[in-house]
């Protein structure tokens, strides 16, 4: 279980490493294009959700527990990119099946 840390450790959420690897790609690509966006995340304990306004001026970290890199599901990255570009912002969807994962 990795952690997404936005600004300070008080703004951290736990996300499994596989999902975190895909989230990292989406955030990296959006910020590389100077595109800010909203990221909504359902809390694991069922107590609600947190919303983050992702902007290049705010420090963020992706803390992975597993040292091995994850294989990337391109279809999932594409779905997440579309979500991040939507008016409601990025929400993490379940991983779709992908016949040809990228390494």
Protein backbone atom coordinates (compact mmCIF):
# COMPACT_ATOMS: atom_id res chain seq x y z
CA UNK A 1 0.00 0.00 0.00
CA UNK A 2 1.57 3.23 -1.17
CA UNK A 3 0.76 6.82 -0.30
CA UNK A 4 -0.19 9.87 -2.31
CA UNK A 5 1.09 12.90 -0.37
CA UNK A 6 -0.17 16.32 -1.43
CA UNK A 7 1.64 19.28 0.12
CA UNK A 8 2.09 17.80 3.62
CA UNK A 9 1.74 14.39 5.25
CA UNK A 10 -1.56 15.63 6.72
CA UNK A 11 -2.87 15.57 3.14
CA UNK A 12 -1.91 11.96 2.43
CA UNK A 13 -4.08 9.08 1.31
CA UNK A 14 -3.27 5.40 1.06
CA UNK A 15 -3.52 3.92 -2.43
CA UNK A 16 -2.33 0.50 -3.56
CA UNK A 17 0.94 0.61 -5.51
CA UNK A 18 -0.59 -0.51 -8.81
CA UNK A 19 -3.21 2.22 -8.78
CA UNK A 20 -0.65 4.73 -7.54
CA UNK A 21 1.63 3.98 -10.50
CA UNK A 22 -1.22 4.80 -12.90
CA UNK A 23 -2.22 7.90 -10.93
CA UNK A 24 1.40 9.09 -11.09
CA UNK A 25 1.39 8.88 -14.89
CA UNK A 26 -1.85 10.83 -15.17
CA UNK A 27 -0.72 13.57 -12.76
CA UNK A 28 2.71 13.79 -14.40
CA UNK A 29 1.19 14.18 -17.88
CA UNK A 30 -1.44 16.72 -16.83
CA UNK A 31 1.09 18.89 -14.97
CA UNK A 32 3.62 18.60 -17.79
CA UNK A 33 0.94 20.28 -19.96
CA UNK A 34 0.36 22.92 -17.24
CA UNK A 35 -3.16 21.59 -16.72
CA UNK A 36 -4.52 21.79 -13.19
CA UNK A 37 -7.42 19.50 -12.26
CA UNK A 38 -9.56 18.16 -9.43
CA UNK A 39 -8.83 14.71 -7.97
CA UNK A 40 -11.55 13.07 -5.85
CA UNK A 41 -10.77 9.98 -3.80
CA UNK A 42 -13.10 7.78 -1.77
CA UNK A 43 -11.56 7.12 1.65
CA UNK A 44 -10.76 3.45 2.34
CA UNK A 45 -12.45 3.50 5.74
CA UNK A 46 -15.79 4.51 4.20
CA UNK A 47 -15.94 7.85 6.02
CA UNK A 48 -16.27 9.96 2.89
CA UNK A 49 -14.05 11.35 0.20
CA UNK A 50 -11.27 13.89 -0.20
CA UNK A 51 -10.86 16.34 -3.04
CA UNK A 52 -7.50 17.74 -4.10
CA UNK A 53 -6.95 20.60 -6.53
CA UNK A 54 -3.84 19.36 -8.35
CA UNK A 55 -1.60 22.24 -9.36
CA UNK A 56 2.08 22.39 -10.28
CA UNK A 57 2.83 24.89 -7.49
CA UNK A 58 1.88 22.39 -4.75
CA UNK A 59 4.49 19.77 -3.83
CA UNK A 60 3.37 16.18 -4.15
CA UNK A 61 4.90 12.77 -3.59
CA UNK A 62 4.13 9.23 -4.64
CA UNK A 63 5.45 6.83 -2.01
CA UNK A 64 5.59 3.24 -3.26
CA UNK A 65 6.04 0.33 -0.85
CA UNK A 66 6.94 -2.19 -3.56
CA UNK A 67 10.36 -1.45 -5.07
CA UNK A 68 9.54 -3.20 -8.33
CA UNK A 69 8.01 -1.04 -11.08
CA UNK A 70 4.43 -1.85 -12.01
CA UNK A 71 3.41 -2.91 -15.50
CA UNK A 72 1.23 -0.21 -16.98
CA UNK A 73 -2.22 -0.78 -18.41
CA UNK A 74 -2.44 1.78 -21.22
CA UNK A 75 -6.21 1.49 -21.45
CA UNK A 76 -6.51 2.40 -17.76
CA UNK A 77 -4.18 5.40 -18.18
CA UNK A 78 -6.31 6.59 -21.11
CA UNK A 79 -9.52 6.23 -19.05
CA UNK A 80 -7.98 8.10 -16.13
CA UNK A 81 -6.69 10.86 -18.41
CA UNK A 82 -10.20 11.33 -19.82
CA UNK A 83 -11.58 11.46 -16.30
CA UNK A 84 -8.98 14.05 -15.23
CA UNK A 85 -9.94 16.22 -18.21
CA UNK A 86 -13.65 16.03 -17.48
CA UNK A 87 -15.59 18.83 -15.73
CA UNK A 88 -15.94 16.70 -12.57
CA UNK A 89 -12.24 15.83 -12.45
CA UNK A 90 -10.31 12.63 -11.83
CA UNK A 91 -11.85 9.76 -9.94
CA UNK A 92 -10.10 6.41 -9.76
CA UNK A 93 -11.99 3.77 -11.70
CA UNK A 94 -11.43 0.00 -11.53
CA UNK A 95 -8.70 -1.29 -13.79
CA UNK A 96 -10.08 -2.46 -17.15
CA UNK A 97 -8.80 -5.55 -18.90
CA UNK A 98 -5.95 -4.83 -21.29
CA UNK A 99 -4.70 -7.46 -23.72
CA UNK A 100 -1.31 -5.79 -24.17
CA UNK A 101 0.05 -4.19 -20.99
CA UNK A 102 3.07 -1.93 -21.39
CA UNK A 103 6.15 -2.42 -19.30
